[in-house]
């Protein structure tokens, strides 16, 4: 999964299997409340337990205070639970890492990552799952310190997924892209449909071809000058 919080965008790889019945909810991106969502990597059954707890914490807070829970408070509460499972007899740690994205009035757009030990931290852009080390390394090179807009963030997500997923070609069936934005004082969490995702992939592939041509031209120019 790849995230860039400055623009509130979110993307993840999706392992497709034509024999699976998708009507039975094979989701790995979960809405946690009005202003937050998360993605998971690891044991899905463990993820179901934790996302249930996250939703329960968020709803209890909203019922009590009539407003959405601050994003970090939500993350910290579930990480306290995860940490208890690492040191209590008869229990085992949850075998899942989570990425949380959300918005609140104090800090705006936020991104957090937590691991099975209960440790968590805030990020500008990061990832979890297979090949996450390669993806993080690429993000360090490509992410702009001053931040990125939504379009740039989406293109960056597709680029990182393209270079780190173990597939030959990106398609809408193999990746899922979600955006979290603000509109009319409300948080909007939107899953891009197949057409929008394919358009995004096509834009990335077109730009990648242009960059490859420019590299070849510079190399040819360098060789001709040297000759």
C-alpha atoms as a PDB file:
ATOM      1  CA  UNK A   1       0.000   0.000   0.000  1.00  0.00           C
ATOM      2  CA  UNK A   2       1.160   3.518  -0.724  1.00  0.00           C
ATOM      3  CA  UNK A   3      -0.097   6.715   0.826  1.00  0.00           C
ATOM      4  CA  UNK A   4       0.568  10.432   0.546  1.00  0.00           C
ATOM      5  CA  UNK A   5      -1.198  12.431   3.200  1.00  0.00           C
ATOM      6  CA  UNK A   6      -0.694  15.934   1.858  1.00  0.00           C
ATOM      7  CA  UNK A   7      -3.280  15.216  -0.817  1.00  0.00           C
ATOM      8  CA  UNK A   8      -5.253  12.652   1.127  1.00  0.00           C
ATOM      9  CA  UNK A   9      -4.754   9.794  -1.293  1.00  0.00           C
ATOM     10  CA  UNK A  10      -4.331   6.128  -0.796  1.00  0.00           C
ATOM     11  CA  UNK A  11      -3.476   3.137  -3.027  1.00  0.00           C
ATOM     12  CA  UNK A  12      -2.838  -0.541  -2.602  1.00  0.00           C
ATOM     13  CA  UNK A  13      -2.092  -3.635  -4.598  1.00  0.00           C
ATOM     14  CA  UNK A  14      -4.888  -6.140  -4.975  1.00  0.00           C
ATOM     15  CA  UNK A  15      -4.252  -9.850  -5.586  1.00  0.00           C
ATOM     16  CA  UNK A  16      -6.901 -10.845  -8.085  1.00  0.00           C
ATOM     17  CA  UNK A  17      -8.240 -14.361  -8.553  1.00  0.00           C
ATOM     18  CA  UNK A  18     -10.948 -15.034 -11.119  1.00  0.00           C
ATOM     19  CA  UNK A  19     -12.367 -17.885  -9.003  1.00  0.00           C
ATOM     20  CA  UNK A  20     -13.077 -15.710  -5.962  1.00  0.00           C
ATOM     21  CA  UNK A  21     -16.598 -14.483  -5.319  1.00  0.00           C
ATOM     22  CA  UNK A  22     -16.044 -10.817  -4.517  1.00  0.00           C
ATOM     23  CA  UNK A  23     -19.601 -10.375  -3.216  1.00  0.00           C
ATOM     24  CA  UNK A  24     -18.449 -11.890   0.085  1.00  0.00           C
ATOM     25  CA  UNK A  25     -16.316  -8.912   1.038  1.00  0.00           C
ATOM     26  CA  UNK A  26     -12.644  -9.537   0.340  1.00  0.00           C
ATOM     27  CA  UNK A  27     -11.841  -5.975   1.291  1.00  0.00           C
ATOM     28  CA  UNK A  28      -8.513  -4.792   2.617  1.00  0.00           C
ATOM     29  CA  UNK A  29      -9.511  -1.143   2.889  1.00  0.00           C
ATOM     30  CA  UNK A  30     -11.910  -0.431   5.737  1.00  0.00           C
ATOM     31  CA  UNK A  31     -13.856   2.706   6.564  1.00  0.00           C
ATOM     32  CA  UNK A  32     -13.581   3.365  10.301  1.00  0.00           C
ATOM     33  CA  UNK A  33     -15.891   6.338  10.673  1.00  0.00           C
ATOM     34  CA  UNK A  34     -16.794   9.598   9.004  1.00  0.00           C
ATOM     35  CA  UNK A  35     -13.207  10.850   8.840  1.00  0.00           C
ATOM     36  CA  UNK A  36     -10.907   7.816   8.829  1.00  0.00           C
ATOM     37  CA  UNK A  37     -10.099   4.596   6.997  1.00  0.00           C
ATOM     38  CA  UNK A  38      -7.373   1.970   7.121  1.00  0.00           C
ATOM     39  CA  UNK A  39      -5.674  -0.682   5.043  1.00  0.00           C
ATOM     40  CA  UNK A  40      -4.173  -3.946   6.277  1.00  0.00           C
ATOM     41  CA  UNK A  41      -1.387  -6.357   5.389  1.00  0.00           C
ATOM     42  CA  UNK A  42      -1.116  -9.717   7.089  1.00  0.00           C
ATOM     43  CA  UNK A  43      -3.574 -12.225   8.544  1.00  0.00           C
ATOM     44  CA  UNK A  44      -7.029 -11.158   7.389  1.00  0.00           C
ATOM     45  CA  UNK A  45      -8.845 -12.743  10.342  1.00  0.00           C
ATOM     46  CA  UNK A  46      -6.685 -10.723  12.751  1.00  0.00           C
ATOM     47  CA  UNK A  47      -7.366  -7.630  10.690  1.00  0.00           C
ATOM     48  CA  UNK A  48     -11.113  -8.209  11.003  1.00  0.00           C
ATOM     49  CA  UNK A  49     -10.825  -8.240  14.797  1.00  0.00           C
ATOM     50  CA  UNK A  50      -8.807  -5.016  14.881  1.00  0.00           C
ATOM     51  CA  UNK A  51     -10.968  -3.131  12.386  1.00  0.00           C
ATOM     52  CA  UNK A  52     -14.036  -4.106  14.424  1.00  0.00           C
ATOM     53  CA  UNK A  53     -12.343  -2.624  17.499  1.00  0.00           C
ATOM     54  CA  UNK A  54     -11.390   0.509  15.578  1.00  0.00           C
ATOM     55  CA  UNK A  55     -14.954   1.039  14.433  1.00  0.00           C
ATOM     56  CA  UNK A  56     -16.260   0.390  17.932  1.00  0.00           C
ATOM     57  CA  UNK A  57     -13.846   2.924  19.448  1.00  0.00           C
ATOM     58  CA  UNK A  58     -14.759   5.519  16.821  1.00  0.00           C
ATOM     59  CA  UNK A  59     -18.510   5.042  17.258  1.00  0.00           C
ATOM     60  CA  UNK A  60     -18.365   5.154  21.066  1.00  0.00           C
ATOM     61  CA  UNK A  61     -16.431   8.419  20.931  1.00  0.00           C
ATOM     62  CA  UNK A  62     -18.831   9.941  18.408  1.00  0.00           C
ATOM     63  CA  UNK A  63     -21.873   8.820  20.435  1.00  0.00           C
ATOM     64  CA  UNK A  64     -20.419  10.358  23.614  1.00  0.00           C
ATOM     65  CA  UNK A  65     -19.012  13.628  22.237  1.00  0.00           C
ATOM     66  CA  UNK A  66     -21.071  14.107  19.041  1.00  0.00           C
ATOM     67  CA  UNK A  67     -17.938  14.529  16.924  1.00  0.00           C
ATOM     68  CA  UNK A  68     -15.401  12.308  15.186  1.00  0.00           C
ATOM     69  CA  UNK A  69     -12.540  10.933  17.243  1.00  0.00           C
ATOM     70  CA  UNK A  70      -9.118  12.538  16.548  1.00  0.00           C
ATOM     71  CA  UNK A  71      -7.151  10.272  14.236  1.00  0.00           C
ATOM     72  CA  UNK A  72      -4.142   9.768  16.496  1.00  0.00           C
ATOM     73  CA  UNK A  73      -6.338   9.001  19.499  1.00  0.00           C
ATOM     74  CA  UNK A  74      -8.074   6.280  17.495  1.00  0.00           C
ATOM     75  CA  UNK A  75      -4.726   4.791  16.464  1.00  0.00           C
ATOM     76  CA  UNK A  76      -3.294   4.975  19.976  1.00  0.00           C
ATOM     77  CA  UNK A  77      -6.293   3.206  21.505  1.00  0.00           C
ATOM     78  CA  UNK A  78      -6.088   0.200  19.203  1.00  0.00           C
ATOM     79  CA  UNK A  79      -2.270   0.096  19.513  1.00  0.00           C
ATOM     80  CA  UNK A  80      -2.670  -0.151  23.301  1.00  0.00           C
ATOM     81  CA  UNK A  81      -4.765  -3.264  22.679  1.00  0.00           C
ATOM     82  CA  UNK A  82      -2.160  -4.669  20.275  1.00  0.00           C
ATOM     83  CA  UNK A  83       0.604  -4.091  22.813  1.00  0.00           C
ATOM     84  CA  UNK A  84      -1.299  -5.934  25.557  1.00  0.00           C
ATOM     85  CA  UNK A  85      -1.491  -8.975  23.309  1.00  0.00           C
ATOM     86  CA  UNK A  86       2.318  -9.120  23.177  1.00  0.00           C
ATOM     87  CA  UNK A  87       2.766  -9.644  26.928  1.00  0.00           C
ATOM     88  CA  UNK A  88      -0.350 -11.395  28.250  1.00  0.00           C
ATOM     89  CA  UNK A  89      -0.171 -15.136  28.883  1.00  0.00           C
ATOM     90  CA  UNK A  90      -2.256 -17.311  26.573  1.00  0.00           C
ATOM     91  CA  UNK A  91      -2.462 -14.628  23.866  1.00  0.00           C
ATOM     92  CA  UNK A  92      -0.386 -14.003  20.757  1.00  0.00           C
ATOM     93  CA  UNK A  93       0.332 -10.753  18.915  1.00  0.00           C
ATOM     94  CA  UNK A  94      -1.959  -9.800  16.046  1.00  0.00           C
ATOM     95  CA  UNK A  95      -0.221 -10.814  12.824  1.00  0.00           C
ATOM     96  CA  UNK A  96      -1.146  -7.731  10.864  1.00  0.00           C
ATOM     97  CA  UNK A  97       0.192  -4.262  10.113  1.00  0.00           C
ATOM     98  CA  UNK A  98      -2.136  -1.356   9.460  1.00  0.00           C
ATOM     99  CA  UNK A  99      -2.056   1.963   7.645  1.00  0.00           C
ATOM    100  CA  UNK A 100      -4.503   4.588   8.874  1.00  0.00           C
ATOM    101  CA  UNK A 101      -5.523   7.705   6.982  1.00  0.00           C
ATOM    102  CA  UNK A 102      -7.838  10.360   8.279  1.00  0.00           C
ATOM    103  CA  UNK A 103      -8.612  13.996   8.916  1.00  0.00           C
ATOM    104  CA  UNK A 104      -9.387  15.996  12.020  1.00  0.00           C
ATOM    105  CA  UNK A 105      -9.747  19.680  12.811  1.00  0.00           C
ATOM    106  CA  UNK A 106      -6.493  19.898  14.776  1.00  0.00           C
ATOM    107  CA  UNK A 107      -3.929  18.327  12.444  1.00  0.00           C
ATOM    108  CA  UNK A 108      -5.763  18.073   9.116  1.00  0.00           C
ATOM    109  CA  UNK A 109      -4.849  15.117   6.878  1.00  0.00           C
ATOM    110  CA  UNK A 110      -2.855  12.443   8.684  1.00  0.00           C
ATOM    111  CA  UNK A 111      -1.231   9.108   7.984  1.00  0.00           C
ATOM    112  CA  UNK A 112      -0.145   6.555  10.593  1.00  0.00           C
ATOM    113  CA  UNK A 113       1.356   3.088  10.440  1.00  0.00           C
ATOM    114  CA  UNK A 114       1.290   0.498  13.217  1.00  0.00           C
ATOM    115  CA  UNK A 115       2.981  -2.890  13.492  1.00  0.00           C
ATOM    116  CA  UNK A 116       2.030  -6.052  15.438  1.00  0.00           C
ATOM    117  CA  UNK A 117       3.944  -4.866  18.525  1.00  0.00           C
ATOM    118  CA  UNK A 118       1.669  -1.846  18.939  1.00  0.00           C
ATOM    119  CA  UNK A 119       4.283   0.697  17.866  1.00  0.00           C
ATOM    120  CA  UNK A 120       2.917   3.437  15.619  1.00  0.00           C
ATOM    121  CA  UNK A 121       4.188   6.556  13.919  1.00  0.00           C
ATOM    122  CA  UNK A 122       3.074   9.357  11.643  1.00  0.00           C
ATOM    123  CA  UNK A 123       4.269   9.541   8.031  1.00  0.00           C
ATOM    124  CA  UNK A 124       4.126  11.745   4.971  1.00  0.00           C
ATOM    125  CA  UNK A 125       4.177   8.704   2.710  1.00  0.00           C
ATOM    126  CA  UNK A 126       4.817   5.024   3.441  1.00  0.00           C
ATOM    127  CA  UNK A 127       3.670   1.497   2.691  1.00  0.00           C
ATOM    128  CA  UNK A 128       3.129  -1.960   4.176  1.00  0.00           C
ATOM    129  CA  UNK A 129       2.978  -5.423   2.643  1.00  0.00           C
ATOM    130  CA  UNK A 130       5.120  -7.303   0.142  1.00  0.00           C
ATOM    131  CA  UNK A 131       8.194  -5.470  -1.151  1.00  0.00           C
ATOM    132  CA  UNK A 132       7.547  -2.606   1.249  1.00  0.00           C
ATOM    133  CA  UNK A 133      11.276  -1.906   1.610  1.00  0.00           C
ATOM    134  CA  UNK A 134      11.617  -1.266  -2.131  1.00  0.00           C
ATOM    135  CA  UNK A 135       8.487   0.879  -2.113  1.00  0.00           C
ATOM    136  CA  UNK A 136       9.697   3.006   0.815  1.00  0.00           C
ATOM    137  CA  UNK A 137      13.062   3.454  -0.883  1.00  0.00           C
ATOM    138  CA  UNK A 138      11.325   4.673  -4.044  1.00  0.00           C
ATOM    139  CA  UNK A 139       9.096   7.008  -2.044  1.00  0.00           C
ATOM    140  CA  UNK A 140      12.163   8.586  -0.438  1.00  0.00           C
ATOM    141  CA  UNK A 141      13.458   9.419  -3.908  1.00  0.00           C
ATOM    142  CA  UNK A 142      10.196  10.577  -5.462  1.00  0.00           C
ATOM    143  CA  UNK A 143       8.245  12.296  -2.677  1.00  0.00           C
ATOM    144  CA  UNK A 144       8.601  16.088  -2.609  1.00  0.00           C
ATOM    145  CA  UNK A 145       9.383  17.620   0.767  1.00  0.00           C
ATOM    146  CA  UNK A 146       7.039  20.532   0.114  1.00  0.00           C
ATOM    147  CA  UNK A 147       4.176  18.092  -0.460  1.00  0.00           C
ATOM    148  CA  UNK A 148       2.194  17.069  -3.522  1.00  0.00           C
ATOM    149  CA  UNK A 149      -1.269  17.759  -4.879  1.00  0.00           C
ATOM    150  CA  UNK A 150      -3.867  15.048  -5.384  1.00  0.00           C
ATOM    151  CA  UNK A 151      -3.014  14.360  -9.022  1.00  0.00           C
ATOM    152  CA  UNK A 152       0.702  14.077  -8.271  1.00  0.00           C
ATOM    153  CA  UNK A 153      -0.025  11.820  -5.307  1.00  0.00           C
ATOM    154  CA  UNK A 154      -2.153   9.493  -7.414  1.00  0.00           C
ATOM    155  CA  UNK A 155       0.527   9.250 -10.096  1.00  0.00           C
ATOM    156  CA  UNK A 156       3.163   8.572  -7.444  1.00  0.00           C
ATOM    157  CA  UNK A 157       1.045   5.778  -5.970  1.00  0.00           C
ATOM    158  CA  UNK A 158       0.639   4.113  -9.358  1.00  0.00           C
ATOM    159  CA  UNK A 159       4.356   4.479 -10.097  1.00  0.00           C
ATOM    160  CA  UNK A 160       5.389   2.839  -6.822  1.00  0.00           C
ATOM    161  CA  UNK A 161       2.861   0.029  -7.218  1.00  0.00           C
ATOM    162  CA  UNK A 162       3.996  -0.543 -10.805  1.00  0.00           C
ATOM    163  CA  UNK A 163       7.629  -0.910  -9.795  1.00  0.00           C
ATOM    164  CA  UNK A 164       7.148  -2.997  -6.633  1.00  0.00           C
ATOM    165  CA  UNK A 165       4.205  -5.347  -7.243  1.00  0.00           C
ATOM    166  CA  UNK A 166       5.079  -8.808  -8.568  1.00  0.00           C
ATOM    167  CA  UNK A 167       2.919  -8.476 -11.683  1.00  0.00           C
ATOM    168  CA  UNK A 168       3.708  -7.848 -15.337  1.00  0.00           C
ATOM    169  CA  UNK A 169       1.156  -5.095 -15.953  1.00  0.00           C
ATOM    170  CA  UNK A 170      -1.057  -2.959 -13.740  1.00  0.00           C
ATOM    171  CA  UNK A 171      -4.798  -3.187 -14.298  1.00  0.00           C
ATOM    172  CA  UNK A 172      -7.853  -2.039 -12.370  1.00  0.00           C
ATOM    173  CA  UNK A 173      -8.397  -5.649 -11.270  1.00  0.00           C
ATOM    174  CA  UNK A 174      -4.996  -5.766  -9.578  1.00  0.00           C
ATOM    175  CA  UNK A 175      -4.885  -2.467  -7.699  1.00  0.00           C
ATOM    176  CA  UNK A 176      -7.361  -0.427  -5.706  1.00  0.00           C
ATOM    177  CA  UNK A 177      -7.096   3.333  -5.268  1.00  0.00           C
ATOM    178  CA  UNK A 178      -8.920   5.342  -2.621  1.00  0.00           C
ATOM    179  CA  UNK A 179      -8.928   9.098  -2.078  1.00  0.00           C
ATOM    180  CA  UNK A 180      -9.696  10.918   1.165  1.00  0.00           C
ATOM    181  CA  UNK A 181     -10.517  14.584   0.590  1.00  0.00           C
ATOM    182  CA  UNK A 182     -12.512  17.404   2.164  1.00  0.00           C
ATOM    183  CA  UNK A 183     -15.545  18.943   0.456  1.00  0.00           C
ATOM    184  CA  UNK A 184     -18.153  21.264   1.977  1.00  0.00           C
ATOM    185  CA  UNK A 185     -16.735  20.661   5.473  1.00  0.00           C
ATOM    186  CA  UNK A 186     -17.126  16.917   5.110  1.00  0.00           C
ATOM    187  CA  UNK A 187     -14.592  14.144   4.631  1.00  0.00           C
ATOM    188  CA  UNK A 188     -15.115  12.238   1.388  1.00  0.00           C
ATOM    189  CA  UNK A 189     -13.661   8.737   1.088  1.00  0.00           C
ATOM    190  CA  UNK A 190     -13.937   7.542  -2.499  1.00  0.00           C
ATOM    191  CA  UNK A 191     -12.893   4.275  -4.119  1.00  0.00           C
ATOM    192  CA  UNK A 192     -11.955   4.878  -7.744  1.00  0.00           C
ATOM    193  CA  UNK A 193     -13.948   2.719 -10.156  1.00  0.00           C
ATOM    194  CA  UNK A 194     -12.379   0.577 -12.885  1.00  0.00           C
ATOM    195  CA  UNK A 195     -12.555   3.263 -15.570  1.00  0.00           C
ATOM    196  CA  UNK A 196     -10.954   5.886 -13.335  1.00  0.00           C
ATOM    197  CA  UNK A 197      -8.224   3.476 -12.269  1.00  0.00           C
ATOM    198  CA  UNK A 198      -7.466   2.386 -15.833  1.00  0.00           C
ATOM    199  CA  UNK A 199      -7.300   6.044 -16.888  1.00  0.00           C
ATOM    200  CA  UNK A 200      -4.837   6.714 -14.074  1.00  0.00           C
ATOM    201  CA  UNK A 201      -2.690   3.756 -15.138  1.00  0.00           C
ATOM    202  CA  UNK A 202      -2.770   4.902 -18.781  1.00  0.00           C
ATOM    203  CA  UNK A 203      -1.639   8.403 -17.777  1.00  0.00           C
ATOM    204  CA  UNK A 204       1.253   6.944 -15.805  1.00  0.00           C
ATOM    205  CA  UNK A 205       2.311   4.654 -18.668  1.00  0.00           C
ATOM    206  CA  UNK A 206       2.210   7.553 -21.149  1.00  0.00           C
ATOM    207  CA  UNK A 207       4.345   9.719 -18.877  1.00  0.00           C
ATOM    208  CA  UNK A 208       6.763   6.828 -18.255  1.00  0.00           C
ATOM    209  CA  UNK A 209       7.255   6.383 -22.016  1.00  0.00           C
ATOM    210  CA  UNK A 210       7.957  10.107 -22.415  1.00  0.00           C
ATOM    211  CA  UNK A 211      10.555  10.001 -19.645  1.00  0.00           C
ATOM    212  CA  UNK A 212      12.198   6.956 -21.226  1.00  0.00           C
ATOM    213  CA  UNK A 213      12.444   8.787 -24.568  1.00  0.00           C
ATOM    214  CA  UNK A 214      13.997  11.814 -22.869  1.00  0.00           C
ATOM    215  CA  UNK A 215      16.570   9.587 -21.148  1.00  0.00           C
ATOM    216  CA  UNK A 216      17.498   7.948 -24.461  1.00  0.00           C
ATOM    217  CA  UNK A 217      17.790  11.364 -26.137  1.00  0.00           C
ATOM    218  CA  UNK A 218      20.089  12.679 -23.394  1.00  0.00           C
ATOM    219  CA  UNK A 219      22.191   9.531 -23.593  1.00  0.00           C
ATOM    220  CA  UNK A 220      22.470   9.778 -27.397  1.00  0.00           C
ATOM    221  CA  UNK A 221      23.344  13.448 -27.124  1.00  0.00           C
ATOM    222  CA  UNK A 222      26.047  12.643 -24.584  1.00  0.00           C
ATOM    223  CA  UNK A 223      27.515   9.899 -26.785  1.00  0.00           C
ATOM    224  CA  UNK A 224      27.473  12.112 -29.911  1.00  0.00           C
ATOM    225  CA  UNK A 225      29.161  14.941 -28.028  1.00  0.00           C
ATOM    226  CA  UNK A 226      31.823  12.607 -26.667  1.00  0.00           C
ATOM    227  CA  UNK A 227      32.428  11.157 -30.106  1.00  0.00           C
END
